[in-house]
Protein backbone atom coordinates (compact mmCIF):
# COMPACT_ATOMS: atom_id res chain seq x y z
CA MET A 1 -2.21 22.10 -45.64
CA HIS A 2 1.00 21.19 -43.84
CA GLU A 3 1.07 24.57 -42.04
CA SER A 4 -2.38 24.04 -40.54
CA LEU A 5 -1.34 20.64 -39.10
CA SER A 6 1.67 22.24 -37.52
CA ALA A 7 -0.51 24.97 -35.98
CA ASP A 8 -2.93 22.39 -34.58
CA ARG A 9 -0.09 20.46 -32.89
CA GLU A 10 1.20 23.62 -31.28
CA LEU A 11 -2.22 24.42 -29.87
CA THR A 12 -2.54 20.90 -28.54
CA LEU A 13 0.87 21.22 -26.85
CA LEU A 14 -0.14 24.55 -25.29
CA ASP A 15 -3.43 23.05 -24.11
CA LEU A 16 -1.55 20.14 -22.52
CA LEU A 17 0.85 22.50 -20.82
CA ASP A 18 -2.00 24.59 -19.56
CA ARG A 19 -3.66 21.58 -18.05
CA ILE A 20 -0.46 20.30 -16.49
CA LEU A 21 0.18 23.62 -14.80
CA ASP A 22 -3.47 23.99 -13.78
CA LYS A 23 -3.95 20.51 -12.31
CA GLY A 24 -0.39 19.45 -11.55
CA VAL A 25 1.57 16.28 -12.31
CA ILE A 26 3.70 14.04 -10.08
CA ILE A 27 6.46 11.99 -11.65
CA HIS A 28 7.89 9.16 -9.53
CA GLY A 29 10.54 6.74 -10.61
CA ASP A 30 13.46 4.63 -9.49
CA ILE A 31 16.53 3.58 -11.44
CA THR A 32 19.10 1.06 -10.24
CA LEU A 33 22.32 0.41 -12.20
CA SER A 34 23.86 -2.95 -11.41
CA VAL A 35 26.60 -5.20 -12.73
CA ALA A 36 26.64 -8.96 -12.03
CA ASP A 37 23.72 -8.54 -9.61
CA VAL A 38 25.65 -5.95 -7.55
CA ASP A 39 23.75 -2.66 -7.19
CA LEU A 40 26.18 0.18 -8.04
CA VAL A 41 23.96 3.25 -8.39
CA TYR A 42 20.44 3.97 -7.11
CA LEU A 43 18.61 7.01 -8.35
CA GLY A 44 15.21 7.99 -6.90
CA LEU A 45 13.20 10.62 -8.79
CA ARG A 46 10.21 12.51 -7.41
CA VAL A 47 9.04 15.63 -9.29
CA LEU A 48 6.02 17.83 -8.79
CA LEU A 49 5.17 20.03 -11.82
CA THR A 50 2.49 22.63 -11.23
CA SER A 51 2.04 26.37 -11.15
CA VAL A 52 3.00 28.58 -8.22
CA ASP A 53 -0.65 29.55 -7.74
CA ASN A 54 -1.62 25.88 -7.14
CA VAL A 55 1.21 25.42 -4.62
CA GLU A 56 0.12 28.49 -2.66
CA ARG A 57 -3.54 27.35 -2.77
CA MET A 58 -2.56 23.84 -1.57
CA ARG A 59 -0.38 25.33 1.15
CA GLY A 60 -3.30 27.56 2.29
CA GLU A 61 -5.66 24.54 2.40
CA LEU A 62 -3.17 22.64 4.57
CA ASP A 63 -2.61 25.53 6.94
CA ALA A 64 -6.36 26.29 7.36
CA PRO A 65 -7.91 24.99 10.57
CA PRO A 66 -10.37 22.09 10.15
CA PRO A 67 -14.04 23.04 10.00
CA ARG A 68 -15.81 23.04 13.35
CA THR A 69 -18.69 20.67 13.89
CA VAL A 70 -21.53 21.33 16.29
């Protein structure tokens, strides 16, 4: 019984990873380390996680000329 639960979790993780790579995820965050209200370190984080195919498709959509209207 325990083995089947483990297999289900692995499939769920693979499905999640497949969706993330198919749709893409953006992670955005800021961290500030300070002592006595004096900011010492600022760290900005911006990450795009997607597949190469999606990036190429998005780049192609951006480079394509806008549709002509009559």
